[in-house]
C-alpha cells in the first residue's frame, strides 16, 4: 500500500505525455511553404515506460491481493486505478506514434514539393534566358547551370562566372570634321590599341 501511495501522485502528474506534448502537422499543411511539427519520439517512449510501470504495479497489486485473505484491504481500488493509468498511457503512446508518423510523412511531402519547385524554377530561368538571348540576337547557348562545388574544391576560392568575351570588331575611327577652306587640315588623333 505504501508503494501505491508513493507512486500515485507521480502517475497522476505524468498522464499522457504524448497527449500534451506531441503535435502532428497543421491542418492543410500541403498548402503551406513551411511548417513545424513534433517528430521526437520522447513523448511516446515516456508513455510506453509509464504504461509498463503501471502494468507492473497492477500485476503486483493483483498478486498481493490474491495472496491475502483479508478482504478489508482496499486493493480493488488500487488495481482499478493502475489499470486505468495503464490504459491512458498506452492510448497516449499510440496517439504519439500516429502523430509522429503523420509529421514525418508531411515533412517528406514538403521536401518533395520544395525539390520540385526548385527544378521548375530552374526550367523557367532557362526559358527566360533563351528568350532574352533570342531578343538580343545571340545564338542559342547551353542552359545556365548553377555551379556546384565538389568536396575536393570546397577549400578553393568560390566559383565566379568568366569575364565576357572581348569584342571581335575594331572600334570605328573617330570622326574627322570636314576641311574648312583656308585652314590646313589637322592630323587625325591616333587610334588607341586595345
N, C-alpha and C. Protein backbone atom coordinates (compact mmCIF):
# COMPACT_ATOMS: atom_id res chain seq x y z
N UNK A 1 0.82 -1.19 0.00
CA UNK A 1 0.00 0.00 0.00
C UNK A 1 0.87 1.25 0.00
N UNK A 2 2.03 1.18 0.66
CA UNK A 2 2.92 2.34 0.70
C UNK A 2 3.43 2.67 -0.70
N UNK A 3 3.76 1.62 -1.45
CA UNK A 3 4.24 1.84 -2.81
C UNK A 3 3.17 2.53 -3.63
N UNK A 4 1.94 2.11 -3.46
CA UNK A 4 0.81 2.72 -4.16
C UNK A 4 0.71 4.20 -3.81
N UNK A 5 0.79 4.52 -2.55
CA UNK A 5 0.66 5.91 -2.13
C UNK A 5 1.83 6.76 -2.62
N UNK A 6 3.01 6.16 -2.75
CA UNK A 6 4.16 6.90 -3.26
C UNK A 6 4.10 7.10 -4.78
N UNK A 7 3.61 6.10 -5.51
CA UNK A 7 3.60 6.16 -6.97
C UNK A 7 2.39 6.91 -7.53
N UNK A 8 1.30 6.93 -6.82
CA UNK A 8 0.07 7.52 -7.33
C UNK A 8 0.24 8.99 -7.71
N UNK A 9 0.83 9.86 -6.87
CA UNK A 9 0.96 11.27 -7.28
C UNK A 9 1.82 11.43 -8.55
N UNK A 10 2.90 10.68 -8.65
CA UNK A 10 3.76 10.78 -9.84
C UNK A 10 3.00 10.34 -11.08
N UNK A 11 2.23 9.27 -10.98
CA UNK A 11 1.48 8.78 -12.12
C UNK A 11 0.38 9.76 -12.53
N UNK A 12 -0.26 10.38 -11.57
CA UNK A 12 -1.32 11.33 -11.89
C UNK A 12 -0.76 12.60 -12.54
N UNK A 13 0.43 13.02 -12.13
CA UNK A 13 1.04 14.23 -12.69
C UNK A 13 1.60 13.99 -14.09
N UNK A 14 1.95 12.79 -14.42
CA UNK A 14 2.60 12.49 -15.70
C UNK A 14 1.66 11.76 -16.66
N UNK A 15 0.41 12.15 -16.67
CA UNK A 15 -0.56 11.49 -17.54
C UNK A 15 -0.40 11.90 -18.98
N UNK A 16 -0.18 10.96 -19.85
CA UNK A 16 -0.24 11.17 -21.29
C UNK A 16 0.69 12.21 -21.84
N UNK A 17 1.99 11.97 -21.77
CA UNK A 17 2.96 12.93 -22.32
C UNK A 17 2.67 13.22 -23.78
N UNK A 18 2.31 12.22 -24.55
CA UNK A 18 2.05 12.43 -25.97
C UNK A 18 0.79 13.26 -26.19
N UNK A 19 -0.22 13.07 -25.35
CA UNK A 19 -1.43 13.88 -25.47
C UNK A 19 -1.08 15.36 -25.26
N UNK A 20 -0.14 15.63 -24.36
CA UNK A 20 0.19 17.01 -24.01
C UNK A 20 1.25 17.63 -24.92
N UNK A 21 2.26 16.86 -25.33
CA UNK A 21 3.43 17.45 -25.95
C UNK A 21 3.70 17.04 -27.40
N UNK A 22 3.00 16.08 -27.94
CA UNK A 22 3.25 15.62 -29.31
C UNK A 22 2.16 16.18 -30.22
N UNK A 23 2.60 16.91 -31.24
CA UNK A 23 1.66 17.53 -32.17
C UNK A 23 2.00 17.11 -33.58
N UNK A 24 0.99 16.82 -34.35
CA UNK A 24 1.18 16.45 -35.74
C UNK A 24 1.28 17.68 -36.62
N UNK A 25 1.27 17.49 -37.93
CA UNK A 25 1.36 18.63 -38.84
C UNK A 25 0.09 19.47 -38.76
N UNK A 26 0.19 20.77 -39.10
CA UNK A 26 -1.01 21.62 -39.05
C UNK A 26 -2.01 21.23 -40.13
N UNK A 27 -3.25 21.62 -39.95
CA UNK A 27 -4.25 21.33 -40.99
C UNK A 27 -3.86 22.02 -42.29
N UNK A 28 -4.14 21.40 -43.40
CA UNK A 28 -3.84 21.91 -44.73
C UNK A 28 -2.35 22.24 -44.90
N UNK A 29 -1.50 21.41 -44.32
CA UNK A 29 -0.06 21.62 -44.43
C UNK A 29 0.43 21.49 -45.86
N UNK A 30 -0.38 20.85 -46.73
CA UNK A 30 0.01 20.69 -48.12
C UNK A 30 0.11 22.02 -48.85
N UNK A 31 -0.55 23.05 -48.33
CA UNK A 31 -0.56 24.36 -48.98
C UNK A 31 0.46 25.33 -48.36
N UNK A 32 1.07 24.96 -47.26
CA UNK A 32 2.00 25.85 -46.57
C UNK A 32 3.40 25.74 -47.13
N UNK A 33 4.11 26.89 -47.16
CA UNK A 33 5.50 26.88 -47.61
C UNK A 33 6.44 26.34 -46.54
N UNK A 34 6.04 26.46 -45.28
CA UNK A 34 6.85 25.95 -44.17
C UNK A 34 5.91 25.65 -43.01
N UNK A 35 6.23 24.63 -42.28
CA UNK A 35 5.51 24.33 -41.04
C UNK A 35 6.44 23.53 -40.15
N UNK A 36 6.08 23.43 -38.91
CA UNK A 36 6.88 22.65 -37.97
C UNK A 36 5.94 21.73 -37.20
N UNK A 37 6.39 20.56 -36.95
CA UNK A 37 5.63 19.61 -36.14
C UNK A 37 6.62 18.77 -35.34
N UNK A 38 6.09 18.00 -34.42
CA UNK A 38 6.93 17.26 -33.48
C UNK A 38 7.28 15.89 -34.04
N UNK A 39 8.55 15.67 -34.32
CA UNK A 39 9.00 14.37 -34.81
C UNK A 39 9.80 13.63 -33.75
N UNK A 40 9.79 14.13 -32.52
CA UNK A 40 10.54 13.49 -31.45
C UNK A 40 9.72 12.34 -30.85
N UNK A 41 10.40 11.25 -30.58
CA UNK A 41 9.73 10.09 -30.01
C UNK A 41 9.76 10.11 -28.49
N UNK A 42 10.17 11.22 -27.89
CA UNK A 42 10.31 11.28 -26.43
C UNK A 42 8.97 11.06 -25.73
N UNK A 43 7.90 11.69 -26.22
CA UNK A 43 6.59 11.54 -25.58
C UNK A 43 6.08 10.11 -25.60
N UNK A 44 6.04 9.47 -26.78
CA UNK A 44 5.59 8.07 -26.81
C UNK A 44 6.48 7.13 -26.01
N UNK A 45 7.78 7.36 -26.01
CA UNK A 45 8.68 6.50 -25.23
C UNK A 45 8.38 6.65 -23.74
N UNK A 46 8.17 7.89 -23.29
CA UNK A 46 7.81 8.11 -21.88
C UNK A 46 6.48 7.44 -21.56
N UNK A 47 5.53 7.54 -22.48
CA UNK A 47 4.22 6.91 -22.23
C UNK A 47 4.33 5.39 -22.17
N UNK A 48 5.14 4.80 -23.03
CA UNK A 48 5.32 3.34 -23.00
C UNK A 48 5.97 2.92 -21.68
N UNK A 49 6.97 3.69 -21.24
CA UNK A 49 7.62 3.33 -19.98
C UNK A 49 6.65 3.46 -18.81
N UNK A 50 5.81 4.50 -18.83
CA UNK A 50 4.82 4.63 -17.76
C UNK A 50 3.75 3.54 -17.86
N UNK A 51 3.36 3.17 -19.07
CA UNK A 51 2.37 2.09 -19.22
C UNK A 51 2.93 0.78 -18.68
N UNK A 52 4.21 0.51 -18.95
CA UNK A 52 4.83 -0.70 -18.42
C UNK A 52 4.91 -0.66 -16.89
N UNK A 53 5.28 0.51 -16.35
CA UNK A 53 5.34 0.66 -14.90
C UNK A 53 3.97 0.45 -14.28
N UNK A 54 2.96 1.06 -14.89
CA UNK A 54 1.59 0.90 -14.37
C UNK A 54 1.13 -0.55 -14.48
N UNK A 55 1.49 -1.22 -15.57
CA UNK A 55 1.12 -2.62 -15.72
C UNK A 55 1.78 -3.50 -14.67
N UNK A 56 3.06 -3.22 -14.40
CA UNK A 56 3.76 -3.99 -13.36
C UNK A 56 3.11 -3.73 -11.99
N UNK A 57 2.76 -2.47 -11.73
CA UNK A 57 2.10 -2.15 -10.46
C UNK A 57 0.75 -2.86 -10.35
N UNK A 58 0.01 -2.89 -11.45
CA UNK A 58 -1.29 -3.58 -11.44
C UNK A 58 -1.10 -5.07 -11.16
N UNK A 59 -0.13 -5.68 -11.83
CA UNK A 59 0.13 -7.11 -11.61
C UNK A 59 0.57 -7.37 -10.18
N UNK A 60 1.42 -6.48 -9.65
CA UNK A 60 1.87 -6.66 -8.26
C UNK A 60 0.71 -6.54 -7.29
N UNK A 61 -0.17 -5.58 -7.51
CA UNK A 61 -1.32 -5.42 -6.62
C UNK A 61 -2.29 -6.59 -6.73
N UNK A 62 -2.51 -7.10 -7.93
CA UNK A 62 -3.38 -8.27 -8.10
C UNK A 62 -2.77 -9.47 -7.39
N UNK A 63 -1.45 -9.64 -7.55
CA UNK A 63 -0.76 -10.75 -6.90
C UNK A 63 -0.84 -10.62 -5.37
N UNK A 64 -0.64 -9.40 -4.87
CA UNK A 64 -0.70 -9.19 -3.42
C UNK A 64 -2.10 -9.43 -2.89
N UNK A 65 -3.11 -9.02 -3.63
CA UNK A 65 -4.49 -9.22 -3.19
C UNK A 65 -4.87 -10.69 -3.21
N UNK A 66 -4.30 -11.47 -4.14
CA UNK A 66 -4.62 -12.90 -4.21
C UNK A 66 -3.95 -13.68 -3.09
N UNK A 67 -2.82 -13.18 -2.56
CA UNK A 67 -2.11 -13.90 -1.51
C UNK A 67 -2.74 -13.69 -0.15
N UNK A 68 -3.44 -12.59 0.02
CA UNK A 68 -4.03 -12.34 1.34
C UNK A 68 -5.51 -12.66 1.29
N UNK A 69 -5.97 -13.14 2.40
CA UNK A 69 -7.40 -13.45 2.51
C UNK A 69 -8.14 -12.33 3.20
N UNK A 70 -7.40 -11.25 3.52
CA UNK A 70 -8.02 -10.12 4.23
C UNK A 70 -8.79 -9.29 3.22
N UNK A 71 -10.09 -9.33 3.29
CA UNK A 71 -10.94 -8.61 2.35
C UNK A 71 -11.13 -7.15 2.75
N UNK A 72 -10.61 -6.76 3.90
CA UNK A 72 -10.79 -5.38 4.34
C UNK A 72 -9.78 -4.43 3.66
N UNK A 73 -8.76 -4.97 3.00
CA UNK A 73 -7.78 -4.11 2.34
C UNK A 73 -8.38 -3.56 1.04
N UNK A 74 -8.16 -2.28 0.76
CA UNK A 74 -8.75 -1.69 -0.45
C UNK A 74 -7.90 -1.93 -1.68
N UNK A 75 -7.56 -3.16 -1.96
CA UNK A 75 -6.71 -3.48 -3.11
C UNK A 75 -7.44 -3.36 -4.43
N UNK A 76 -8.74 -3.56 -4.44
CA UNK A 76 -9.50 -3.47 -5.68
C UNK A 76 -9.47 -2.08 -6.28
N UNK A 77 -9.51 -1.07 -5.42
CA UNK A 77 -9.45 0.31 -5.89
C UNK A 77 -8.08 0.59 -6.52
N UNK A 78 -7.04 0.12 -5.89
CA UNK A 78 -5.68 0.32 -6.41
C UNK A 78 -5.52 -0.35 -7.76
N UNK A 79 -6.01 -1.57 -7.88
CA UNK A 79 -5.91 -2.29 -9.15
C UNK A 79 -6.66 -1.52 -10.23
N UNK A 80 -7.83 -1.01 -9.91
CA UNK A 80 -8.62 -0.26 -10.88
C UNK A 80 -7.92 1.02 -11.34
N UNK A 81 -7.31 1.73 -10.37
CA UNK A 81 -6.61 2.97 -10.71
C UNK A 81 -5.41 2.68 -11.61
N UNK A 82 -4.61 1.68 -11.25
CA UNK A 82 -3.43 1.39 -12.07
C UNK A 82 -3.81 0.79 -13.42
N UNK A 83 -4.92 0.08 -13.49
CA UNK A 83 -5.40 -0.41 -14.79
C UNK A 83 -5.81 0.77 -15.67
N UNK A 84 -6.49 1.74 -15.08
CA UNK A 84 -6.88 2.94 -15.84
C UNK A 84 -5.64 3.72 -16.29
N UNK A 85 -4.65 3.84 -15.41
CA UNK A 85 -3.42 4.54 -15.77
C UNK A 85 -2.69 3.83 -16.91
N UNK A 86 -2.68 2.51 -16.86
CA UNK A 86 -2.06 1.74 -17.94
C UNK A 86 -2.77 2.01 -19.26
N UNK A 87 -4.10 2.05 -19.22
CA UNK A 87 -4.87 2.31 -20.44
C UNK A 87 -4.60 3.72 -20.98
N UNK A 88 -4.54 4.71 -20.09
CA UNK A 88 -4.30 6.09 -20.53
C UNK A 88 -2.92 6.22 -21.15
N UNK A 89 -1.90 5.65 -20.50
CA UNK A 89 -0.55 5.75 -21.04
C UNK A 89 -0.40 4.98 -22.35
N UNK A 90 -1.05 3.85 -22.47
CA UNK A 90 -1.00 3.09 -23.72
C UNK A 90 -1.67 3.87 -24.84
N UNK A 91 -2.84 4.44 -24.56
CA UNK A 91 -3.54 5.24 -25.57
C UNK A 91 -2.70 6.46 -25.96
N UNK A 92 -2.07 7.09 -24.99
CA UNK A 92 -1.23 8.25 -25.28
C UNK A 92 -0.02 7.87 -26.14
N UNK A 93 0.58 6.72 -25.86
CA UNK A 93 1.72 6.26 -26.66
C UNK A 93 1.30 6.00 -28.10
N UNK A 94 0.15 5.38 -28.30
CA UNK A 94 -0.35 5.12 -29.65
C UNK A 94 -0.65 6.44 -30.37
N UNK A 95 -1.29 7.38 -29.67
CA UNK A 95 -1.58 8.70 -30.23
C UNK A 95 -0.28 9.39 -30.66
N UNK A 96 0.73 9.36 -29.80
CA UNK A 96 2.01 9.99 -30.12
C UNK A 96 2.69 9.36 -31.32
N UNK A 97 2.65 8.03 -31.39
CA UNK A 97 3.27 7.34 -32.53
C UNK A 97 2.57 7.70 -33.84
N UNK A 98 1.25 7.81 -33.81
CA UNK A 98 0.50 8.19 -35.02
C UNK A 98 0.85 9.62 -35.43
N UNK A 99 0.92 10.54 -34.48
CA UNK A 99 1.23 11.94 -34.79
C UNK A 99 2.66 12.08 -35.33
N UNK A 100 3.59 11.34 -34.76
CA UNK A 100 4.98 11.38 -35.25
C UNK A 100 5.05 10.85 -36.68
N UNK A 101 4.32 9.79 -36.97
CA UNK A 101 4.28 9.23 -38.32
C UNK A 101 3.68 10.24 -39.31
N UNK A 102 2.59 10.91 -38.90
CA UNK A 102 1.98 11.93 -39.75
C UNK A 102 2.96 13.08 -40.00
N UNK A 103 3.69 13.48 -38.97
CA UNK A 103 4.66 14.56 -39.10
C UNK A 103 5.77 14.17 -40.07
N UNK A 104 6.29 12.96 -39.94
CA UNK A 104 7.35 12.50 -40.85
C UNK A 104 6.87 12.47 -42.29
N UNK A 105 5.65 11.98 -42.52
CA UNK A 105 5.10 11.94 -43.87
C UNK A 105 4.91 13.36 -44.43
N UNK A 106 4.40 14.26 -43.60
CA UNK A 106 4.17 15.64 -44.05
C UNK A 106 5.50 16.34 -44.36
N UNK A 107 6.53 16.10 -43.56
CA UNK A 107 7.84 16.70 -43.83
C UNK A 107 8.43 16.16 -45.13
N UNK A 108 8.27 14.88 -45.40
CA UNK A 108 8.76 14.29 -46.65
C UNK A 108 8.02 14.90 -47.84
N UNK A 109 6.70 15.07 -47.70
CA UNK A 109 5.91 15.68 -48.76
C UNK A 109 6.38 17.12 -49.01
N UNK A 110 6.66 17.88 -47.95
CA UNK A 110 7.17 19.25 -48.08
C UNK A 110 8.53 19.25 -48.79
N UNK A 111 9.41 18.32 -48.43
CA UNK A 111 10.72 18.24 -49.06
C UNK A 111 10.57 17.98 -50.56
N UNK A 112 9.66 17.11 -50.93
CA UNK A 112 9.44 16.80 -52.35
C UNK A 112 8.87 18.02 -53.09
N UNK A 113 7.96 18.75 -52.43
CA UNK A 113 7.40 19.95 -53.07
C UNK A 113 8.49 20.99 -53.29
N UNK A 114 9.38 21.17 -52.32
CA UNK A 114 10.46 22.15 -52.45
C UNK A 114 11.39 21.73 -53.57
N UNK A 115 11.73 20.45 -53.64
CA UNK A 115 12.61 19.96 -54.68
C UNK A 115 11.99 20.15 -56.06
N UNK A 116 10.72 19.84 -56.21
CA UNK A 116 10.02 20.02 -57.48
C UNK A 116 9.96 21.49 -57.84
N UNK A 117 9.72 22.34 -56.87
CA UNK A 117 9.65 23.78 -57.10
C UNK A 117 11.00 24.30 -57.58
N UNK A 118 12.10 23.82 -57.02
CA UNK A 118 13.43 24.25 -57.43
C UNK A 118 13.70 23.86 -58.88
N UNK A 119 13.35 22.65 -59.27
CA UNK A 119 13.55 22.20 -60.65
C UNK A 119 12.69 23.03 -61.60
N UNK A 120 11.46 23.31 -61.22
CA UNK A 120 10.57 24.12 -62.06
C UNK A 120 11.11 25.54 -62.20
N UNK A 121 11.61 26.12 -61.12
CA UNK A 121 12.20 27.46 -61.18
C UNK A 121 13.41 27.48 -62.12
N UNK A 122 14.24 26.44 -62.08
CA UNK A 122 15.40 26.36 -62.96
C UNK A 122 14.96 26.29 -64.42
N UNK A 123 13.90 25.55 -64.71
CA UNK A 123 13.38 25.46 -66.07
C UNK A 123 12.88 26.82 -66.54
N UNK A 124 12.20 27.56 -65.70
CA UNK A 124 11.70 28.89 -66.06
C UNK A 124 12.86 29.85 -66.31
N UNK A 125 13.88 29.81 -65.47
CA UNK A 125 15.06 30.67 -65.65
C UNK A 125 15.71 30.38 -66.99
N UNK A 126 15.87 29.11 -67.33
CA UNK A 126 16.49 28.74 -68.61
C UNK A 126 15.67 29.23 -69.80
N UNK A 127 14.34 29.11 -69.71
CA UNK A 127 13.48 29.57 -70.79
C UNK A 127 13.56 31.09 -70.94
N UNK A 128 13.54 31.82 -69.84
CA UNK A 128 13.66 33.27 -69.90
C UNK A 128 15.02 33.70 -70.46
N UNK A 129 16.07 33.01 -70.08
CA UNK A 129 17.40 33.32 -70.62
C UNK A 129 17.44 33.08 -72.11
N UNK A 130 16.82 31.99 -72.58
CA UNK A 130 16.77 31.70 -74.01
C UNK A 130 16.02 32.80 -74.75
N UNK A 131 14.90 33.26 -74.20
CA UNK A 131 14.13 34.32 -74.84
C UNK A 131 14.90 35.63 -74.87
N UNK A 132 15.61 35.93 -73.79
CA UNK A 132 16.41 37.15 -73.73
C UNK A 132 17.54 37.10 -74.75
N UNK A 133 18.21 35.96 -74.85
CA UNK A 133 19.28 35.81 -75.83
C UNK A 133 18.73 35.95 -77.25
N UNK A 134 17.55 35.39 -77.52
CA UNK A 134 16.95 35.49 -78.84
C UNK A 134 16.59 36.94 -79.15
N UNK A 135 16.11 37.68 -78.17
CA UNK A 135 15.78 39.09 -78.39
C UNK A 135 17.03 39.91 -78.66
N UNK A 136 18.15 39.55 -78.09
CA UNK A 136 19.41 40.26 -78.31
C UNK A 136 20.09 39.82 -79.61
N UNK A 137 19.59 38.79 -80.22
CA UNK A 137 20.19 38.29 -81.44
C UNK A 137 21.39 37.39 -81.19
N UNK A 138 21.51 36.88 -79.99
CA UNK A 138 22.63 36.00 -79.65
C UNK A 138 22.26 34.57 -80.03
N UNK A 139 23.26 33.79 -80.40
CA UNK A 139 22.95 32.38 -80.71
C UNK A 139 22.52 31.65 -79.44
N UNK A 140 21.83 30.54 -79.67
CA UNK A 140 21.39 29.73 -78.53
C UNK A 140 22.60 29.25 -77.75
N UNK A 141 22.52 29.39 -76.46
CA UNK A 141 23.59 28.93 -75.59
C UNK A 141 23.07 27.78 -74.75
N UNK A 142 24.00 27.09 -74.15
CA UNK A 142 23.61 26.00 -73.25
C UNK A 142 22.87 26.60 -72.06
N UNK A 143 21.87 25.89 -71.51
CA UNK A 143 21.14 26.42 -70.37
C UNK A 143 22.06 26.67 -69.19
N UNK A 144 21.73 27.69 -68.45
CA UNK A 144 22.52 28.05 -67.26
C UNK A 144 22.39 26.96 -66.21
N UNK A 145 23.49 26.54 -65.68
CA UNK A 145 23.50 25.58 -64.58
C UNK A 145 24.23 26.23 -63.42
N UNK A 146 23.62 26.21 -62.27
CA UNK A 146 24.26 26.78 -61.09
C UNK A 146 25.54 26.00 -60.80
N UNK A 147 26.63 26.69 -60.45
CA UNK A 147 27.88 25.97 -60.18
C UNK A 147 27.74 25.11 -58.92
N UNK A 148 28.32 23.93 -58.99
CA UNK A 148 28.30 23.00 -57.86
C UNK A 148 29.74 22.73 -57.48
N UNK A 149 30.04 22.91 -56.21
CA UNK A 149 31.40 22.64 -55.76
C UNK A 149 31.47 21.23 -55.22
N UNK A 150 32.48 20.53 -55.63
CA UNK A 150 32.70 19.20 -55.06
C UNK A 150 33.47 19.36 -53.77
N UNK A 151 33.54 18.31 -53.01
CA UNK A 151 34.23 18.37 -51.73
C UNK A 151 35.72 18.64 -51.91
N UNK A 152 36.29 18.26 -53.06
CA UNK A 152 37.72 18.49 -53.28
C UNK A 152 38.02 19.95 -53.59
N UNK A 153 37.03 20.69 -54.11
CA UNK A 153 37.27 22.10 -54.41
C UNK A 153 36.63 23.02 -53.40
N UNK A 154 36.08 22.49 -52.34
CA UNK A 154 35.39 23.31 -51.36
C UNK A 154 36.33 24.28 -50.67
N UNK A 155 37.62 23.94 -50.53
CA UNK A 155 38.56 24.81 -49.85
C UNK A 155 39.12 25.88 -50.77
N UNK A 156 38.89 25.77 -52.08
CA UNK A 156 39.38 26.75 -53.02
C UNK A 156 38.47 27.98 -53.02
N UNK A 157 38.89 28.99 -53.77
CA UNK A 157 38.10 30.21 -53.87
C UNK A 157 36.74 29.88 -54.48
N UNK A 158 35.71 30.65 -54.15
CA UNK A 158 34.39 30.37 -54.72
C UNK A 158 34.38 30.56 -56.23
N UNK A 159 33.49 29.82 -56.89
CA UNK A 159 33.39 29.92 -58.33
C UNK A 159 32.78 31.26 -58.72
N UNK A 160 33.34 31.90 -59.74
CA UNK A 160 32.80 33.13 -60.28
C UNK A 160 32.61 32.94 -61.77
N UNK A 161 31.65 33.64 -62.35
CA UNK A 161 31.45 33.46 -63.79
C UNK A 161 32.63 34.04 -64.55
N UNK A 162 32.94 33.50 -65.72
CA UNK A 162 34.06 34.01 -66.50
C UNK A 162 33.74 35.40 -67.03
N UNK A 163 34.77 36.20 -67.32
CA UNK A 163 34.50 37.54 -67.86
C UNK A 163 33.90 37.42 -69.25
N UNK A 164 33.17 38.45 -69.68
CA UNK A 164 32.57 38.38 -71.01
C UNK A 164 33.66 38.39 -72.07
N UNK A 165 33.42 37.79 -73.24
CA UNK A 165 34.44 37.75 -74.28
C UNK A 165 34.70 39.15 -74.83
N UNK A 166 35.94 39.35 -75.28
CA UNK A 166 36.31 40.65 -75.85
C UNK A 166 35.60 40.83 -77.18
N UNK A 167 35.27 42.07 -77.52
CA UNK A 167 34.60 42.29 -78.82
C UNK A 167 35.52 41.90 -79.96
N UNK A 168 34.93 41.38 -81.02
CA UNK A 168 35.73 40.90 -82.15
C UNK A 168 35.94 41.98 -83.20
N UNK A 169 35.20 43.08 -83.18
CA UNK A 169 35.35 44.14 -84.18
C UNK A 169 36.20 45.26 -83.60
N UNK A 170 36.95 45.94 -84.47
CA UNK A 170 37.75 47.09 -84.06
C UNK A 170 36.82 48.29 -83.88
N UNK A 171 37.14 49.15 -82.93
CA UNK A 171 36.29 50.34 -82.78
C UNK A 171 36.41 51.22 -84.02
N UNK A 172 35.34 51.90 -84.33
CA UNK A 172 35.33 52.77 -85.50
C UNK A 172 36.31 53.93 -85.29
N UNK A 173 36.88 54.38 -86.40
CA UNK A 173 37.81 55.52 -86.33
C UNK A 173 37.03 56.75 -85.91
N UNK A 174 37.70 57.65 -85.15
CA UNK A 174 36.99 58.84 -84.73
C UNK A 174 36.60 59.69 -85.94
N UNK A 175 35.49 60.36 -85.80
CA UNK A 175 35.01 61.22 -86.88
C UNK A 175 35.92 62.44 -87.01
N UNK A 176 36.28 62.75 -88.23
CA UNK A 176 37.10 63.93 -88.51
C UNK A 176 36.20 64.95 -89.19
N UNK A 177 36.21 66.16 -88.69
CA UNK A 177 35.35 67.16 -89.32
C UNK A 177 35.82 67.46 -90.76
N UNK A 178 34.90 67.86 -91.58
CA UNK A 178 35.29 68.16 -92.96
C UNK A 178 36.28 69.35 -92.98
N UNK A 179 37.13 69.40 -94.01
CA UNK A 179 38.09 70.50 -94.08
C UNK A 179 37.39 71.85 -94.27
N UNK A 180 37.94 72.84 -93.63
CA UNK A 180 37.40 74.19 -93.74
C UNK A 180 38.31 74.96 -94.72
N UNK A 181 37.74 75.67 -95.68
CA UNK A 181 38.59 76.38 -96.64
C UNK A 181 39.46 77.43 -95.92
N UNK A 182 40.71 77.46 -96.27
CA UNK A 182 41.66 78.42 -95.73
C UNK A 182 42.37 77.92 -94.49
N UNK A 183 41.96 76.78 -93.92
CA UNK A 183 42.62 76.24 -92.73
C UNK A 183 43.19 74.88 -93.11
N UNK A 184 44.52 74.70 -92.84
CA UNK A 184 45.08 73.40 -93.20
C UNK A 184 44.45 72.28 -92.37
N UNK A 185 44.28 71.10 -92.94
CA UNK A 185 43.68 70.00 -92.16
C UNK A 185 44.61 69.55 -91.05
N UNK A 186 44.00 69.22 -89.95
CA UNK A 186 44.77 68.74 -88.79
C UNK A 186 44.97 67.23 -88.94
N UNK A 187 46.02 66.79 -88.33
CA UNK A 187 46.29 65.35 -88.36
C UNK A 187 45.27 64.65 -87.47
N UNK A 188 44.73 63.52 -87.92
CA UNK A 188 43.75 62.81 -87.07
C UNK A 188 44.42 62.29 -85.79
N UNK A 189 43.65 62.22 -84.73
CA UNK A 189 44.23 61.70 -83.50
C UNK A 189 44.59 60.23 -83.66
N UNK A 190 45.60 59.79 -82.90
CA UNK A 190 46.00 58.39 -83.02
C UNK A 190 44.89 57.46 -82.51
N UNK A 191 44.79 56.27 -83.10
CA UNK A 191 43.80 55.27 -82.68
C UNK A 191 44.44 54.44 -81.57
N UNK A 192 43.80 54.39 -80.43
CA UNK A 192 44.38 53.59 -79.33
C UNK A 192 44.31 52.11 -79.64
N UNK A 193 45.33 51.39 -79.22
CA UNK A 193 45.37 49.94 -79.40
C UNK A 193 44.67 49.28 -78.19
N UNK A 194 43.80 48.35 -78.48
CA UNK A 194 43.09 47.70 -77.35
C UNK A 194 43.97 46.74 -76.59
